[in-house]
Amino acid sequence: MLTVDYKDYMTFLRGADPVVPPEAFGLAAQIAAQEVETATFHRAISEEHLRAVKHCCCHLAQVLYLAEQRETETGGKTSERVGSYSVTYGSAGEQQARISEEKRRILRLWLADTGLLYAGVG
């Protein structure tokens, strides 16, 4: 199974401040690695593509962590107005659809030209 550690995450960030704290990265990275394994049909990852795959995992881990934080902080609110108080909640399905689209975008960004996403016979 693919593994990504916090050192890989710091390399991915290239000196930028980390979004995911070290204590939360392990779980987020494990879920991200599973997403990549599923998207690549559990293909063996060559040394040639390892960097792109690890960067993809780090990017996915960050997005998954931020989505979880957003859900925790907002409780599903999509908007709130103070004058004549009004709150709008997004459906869980809408939120999942946005996260799924973001995950697909990241997978394509990092892995599109590796051949790992190819689902055909070849």
C-alpha atoms as a PDB file:
ATOM      1  CA  MET A   1       0.000   0.000   0.000  1.00  0.00           C
ATOM      2  CA  LEU A   2       1.086   3.528  -0.743  1.00  0.00           C
ATOM      3  CA  THR A   3       2.347   5.494   2.261  1.00  0.00           C
ATOM      4  CA  VAL A   4       2.952   9.206   2.623  1.00  0.00           C
ATOM      5  CA  ASP A   5       4.416  10.806   5.737  1.00  0.00           C
ATOM      6  CA  TYR A   6       4.629  14.325   7.115  1.00  0.00           C
ATOM      7  CA  LYS A   7       8.106  14.753   5.612  1.00  0.00           C
ATOM      8  CA  ASP A   8       6.563  14.113   2.162  1.00  0.00           C
ATOM      9  CA  TYR A   9       3.901  16.707   2.980  1.00  0.00           C
ATOM     10  CA  MET A  10       6.513  19.319   3.920  1.00  0.00           C
ATOM     11  CA  THR A  11       8.375  18.582   0.660  1.00  0.00           C
ATOM     12  CA  PHE A  12       5.104  19.028  -1.245  1.00  0.00           C
ATOM     13  CA  LEU A  13       4.559  22.430   0.406  1.00  0.00           C
ATOM     14  CA  ARG A  14       8.011  23.718  -0.613  1.00  0.00           C
ATOM     15  CA  GLY A  15       8.369  25.972   2.403  1.00  0.00           C
ATOM     16  CA  ALA A  16       4.748  27.133   2.647  1.00  0.00           C
ATOM     17  CA  ASP A  17       3.030  26.943   6.016  1.00  0.00           C
ATOM     18  CA  PRO A  18       1.388  23.551   6.576  1.00  0.00           C
ATOM     19  CA  VAL A  19      -2.402  23.460   6.634  1.00  0.00           C
ATOM     20  CA  VAL A  20      -2.656  20.000   8.140  1.00  0.00           C
ATOM     21  CA  PRO A  21      -1.103  19.626  11.601  1.00  0.00           C
ATOM     22  CA  PRO A  22       1.208  16.626  12.141  1.00  0.00           C
ATOM     23  CA  GLU A  23      -1.237  14.891  14.492  1.00  0.00           C
ATOM     24  CA  ALA A  24      -4.020  14.970  11.861  1.00  0.00           C
ATOM     25  CA  PHE A  25      -1.908  14.179   8.817  1.00  0.00           C
ATOM     26  CA  GLY A  26      -1.654  10.414   9.340  1.00  0.00           C
ATOM     27  CA  LEU A  27      -5.370   9.732   8.990  1.00  0.00           C
ATOM     28  CA  ALA A  28      -5.859  12.251   6.175  1.00  0.00           C
ATOM     29  CA  ALA A  29      -2.899  10.749   4.291  1.00  0.00           C
ATOM     30  CA  GLN A  30      -4.186   7.205   4.786  1.00  0.00           C
ATOM     31  CA  ILE A  31      -7.572   8.149   3.316  1.00  0.00           C
ATOM     32  CA  ALA A  32      -5.886  10.056   0.485  1.00  0.00           C
ATOM     33  CA  ALA A  33      -3.653   7.068  -0.307  1.00  0.00           C
ATOM     34  CA  GLN A  34      -6.722   4.848  -0.527  1.00  0.00           C
ATOM     35  CA  GLU A  35      -8.344   7.351  -2.913  1.00  0.00           C
ATOM     36  CA  VAL A  36      -5.249   7.184  -5.130  1.00  0.00           C
ATOM     37  CA  GLU A  37      -5.106   3.380  -4.942  1.00  0.00           C
ATOM     38  CA  THR A  38      -8.745   3.194  -6.022  1.00  0.00           C
ATOM     39  CA  ALA A  39      -8.345   5.739  -8.836  1.00  0.00           C
ATOM     40  CA  THR A  40      -5.276   3.932 -10.189  1.00  0.00           C
ATOM     41  CA  PHE A  41      -6.922   0.501  -9.984  1.00  0.00           C
ATOM     42  CA  HIS A  42      -4.283  -0.615  -7.450  1.00  0.00           C
ATOM     43  CA  ARG A  43      -1.576  -0.563 -10.103  1.00  0.00           C
ATOM     44  CA  ALA A  44       2.027  -0.835  -9.046  1.00  0.00           C
ATOM     45  CA  ILE A  45       3.549   2.634  -8.966  1.00  0.00           C
ATOM     46  CA  SER A  46       6.889   2.925 -10.687  1.00  0.00           C
ATOM     47  CA  GLU A  47       9.757   4.999  -9.324  1.00  0.00           C
ATOM     48  CA  GLU A  48       9.177   7.304 -12.312  1.00  0.00           C
ATOM     49  CA  HIS A  49       5.695   8.254 -11.059  1.00  0.00           C
ATOM     50  CA  LEU A  50       6.263   8.047  -7.304  1.00  0.00           C
ATOM     51  CA  ARG A  51       6.839  11.793  -6.825  1.00  0.00           C
ATOM     52  CA  ALA A  52       3.614  12.723  -8.652  1.00  0.00           C
ATOM     53  CA  VAL A  53       1.659  10.108  -6.699  1.00  0.00           C
ATOM     54  CA  LYS A  54       3.016  11.327  -3.350  1.00  0.00           C
ATOM     55  CA  HIS A  55       2.253  14.948  -4.242  1.00  0.00           C
ATOM     56  CA  CYS A  56      -1.249  13.889  -5.243  1.00  0.00           C
ATOM     57  CA  CYS A  57      -1.712  12.164  -1.868  1.00  0.00           C
ATOM     58  CA  CYS A  58      -0.477  15.219   0.005  1.00  0.00           C
ATOM     59  CA  HIS A  59      -2.788  17.508  -1.969  1.00  0.00           C
ATOM     60  CA  LEU A  60      -5.744  15.176  -1.388  1.00  0.00           C
ATOM     61  CA  ALA A  61      -4.935  14.881   2.324  1.00  0.00           C
ATOM     62  CA  GLN A  62      -4.961  18.658   2.612  1.00  0.00           C
ATOM     63  CA  VAL A  63      -8.320  18.961   0.820  1.00  0.00           C
ATOM     64  CA  LEU A  64      -9.857  16.175   2.919  1.00  0.00           C
ATOM     65  CA  TYR A  65      -8.612  17.780   6.135  1.00  0.00           C
ATOM     66  CA  LEU A  66      -9.940  21.212   5.140  1.00  0.00           C
ATOM     67  CA  ALA A  67     -13.327  19.736   4.181  1.00  0.00           C
ATOM     68  CA  GLU A  68     -13.571  18.035   7.569  1.00  0.00           C
ATOM     69  CA  GLN A  69     -12.586  21.252   9.353  1.00  0.00           C
ATOM     70  CA  ARG A  70     -15.115  23.277   7.348  1.00  0.00           C
ATOM     71  CA  GLU A  71     -17.882  20.812   8.193  1.00  0.00           C
ATOM     72  CA  THR A  72     -16.945  20.880  11.885  1.00  0.00           C
ATOM     73  CA  GLU A  73     -16.754  24.679  12.059  1.00  0.00           C
ATOM     74  CA  THR A  74     -19.847  25.530  10.026  1.00  0.00           C
ATOM     75  CA  GLY A  75     -22.109  22.603  10.862  1.00  0.00           C
ATOM     76  CA  GLY A  76     -23.214  22.513   7.225  1.00  0.00           C
ATOM     77  CA  LYS A  77     -24.031  26.216   6.900  1.00  0.00           C
ATOM     78  CA  THR A  78     -23.488  27.593   3.431  1.00  0.00           C
ATOM     79  CA  SER A  79     -24.509  31.166   4.232  1.00  0.00           C
ATOM     80  CA  GLU A  80     -25.629  33.311   7.123  1.00  0.00           C
ATOM     81  CA  ARG A  81     -27.098  36.818   7.203  1.00  0.00           C
ATOM     82  CA  VAL A  82     -27.223  38.926  10.361  1.00  0.00           C
ATOM     83  CA  GLY A  83     -29.811  41.609   9.487  1.00  0.00           C
ATOM     84  CA  SER A  84     -33.209  39.841   9.710  1.00  0.00           C
ATOM     85  CA  TYR A  85     -31.263  36.732  10.697  1.00  0.00           C
ATOM     86  CA  SER A  86     -31.170  34.092   7.963  1.00  0.00           C
ATOM     87  CA  VAL A  87     -29.191  30.856   7.783  1.00  0.00           C
ATOM     88  CA  THR A  88     -28.877  28.541   4.783  1.00  0.00           C
ATOM     89  CA  TYR A  89     -27.708  24.964   5.081  1.00  0.00           C
ATOM     90  CA  GLY A  90     -26.321  22.956   2.191  1.00  0.00           C
ATOM     91  CA  SER A  91     -27.384  19.384   1.802  1.00  0.00           C
ATOM     92  CA  ALA A  92     -24.911  16.647   2.600  1.00  0.00           C
ATOM     93  CA  GLY A  93     -25.224  15.498  -1.008  1.00  0.00           C
ATOM     94  CA  GLU A  94     -24.202  18.911  -2.344  1.00  0.00           C
ATOM     95  CA  GLN A  95     -21.195  19.024  -0.039  1.00  0.00           C
ATOM     96  CA  GLN A  96     -20.135  15.496  -1.014  1.00  0.00           C
ATOM     97  CA  ALA A  97     -20.506  16.370  -4.698  1.00  0.00           C
ATOM     98  CA  ARG A  98     -18.207  19.392  -4.281  1.00  0.00           C
ATOM     99  CA  ILE A  99     -15.607  17.315  -2.440  1.00  0.00           C
ATOM    100  CA  SER A 100     -15.807  14.518  -5.020  1.00  0.00           C
ATOM    101  CA  GLU A 101     -15.300  16.989  -7.866  1.00  0.00           C
ATOM    102  CA  GLU A 102     -12.305  18.529  -6.083  1.00  0.00           C
ATOM    103  CA  LYS A 103     -10.793  15.067  -5.550  1.00  0.00           C
ATOM    104  CA  ARG A 104     -11.240  14.230  -9.255  1.00  0.00           C
ATOM    105  CA  ARG A 105      -9.633  17.553 -10.199  1.00  0.00           C
ATOM    106  CA  ILE A 106      -6.589  16.831  -8.009  1.00  0.00           C
ATOM    107  CA  LEU A 107      -6.236  13.266  -9.308  1.00  0.00           C
ATOM    108  CA  ARG A 108      -6.276  14.561 -12.893  1.00  0.00           C
ATOM    109  CA  LEU A 109      -3.873  17.398 -12.053  1.00  0.00           C
ATOM    110  CA  TRP A 110      -1.162  15.117 -10.680  1.00  0.00           C
ATOM    111  CA  LEU A 111      -1.776  11.800 -12.459  1.00  0.00           C
ATOM    112  CA  ALA A 112      -3.330  12.563 -15.864  1.00  0.00           C
ATOM    113  CA  ASP A 113      -0.114  12.092 -17.826  1.00  0.00           C
ATOM    114  CA  THR A 114       1.194   9.075 -15.900  1.00  0.00           C
ATOM    115  CA  GLY A 115      -1.128   6.483 -17.424  1.00  0.00           C
ATOM    116  CA  LEU A 116      -2.169   5.386 -13.939  1.00  0.00           C
ATOM    117  CA  LEU A 117      -5.748   6.633 -14.391  1.00  0.00           C
ATOM    118  CA  TYR A 118      -6.260   4.696 -17.637  1.00  0.00           C
ATOM    119  CA  ALA A 119      -9.240   2.364 -17.255  1.00  0.00           C
ATOM    120  CA  GLY A 120      -9.111   0.676 -20.637  1.00  0.00           C
ATOM    121  CA  VAL A 121      -7.481  -2.469 -21.882  1.00  0.00           C
ATOM    122  CA  GLY A 122      -3.998  -2.023 -23.120  1.00  0.00           C
END
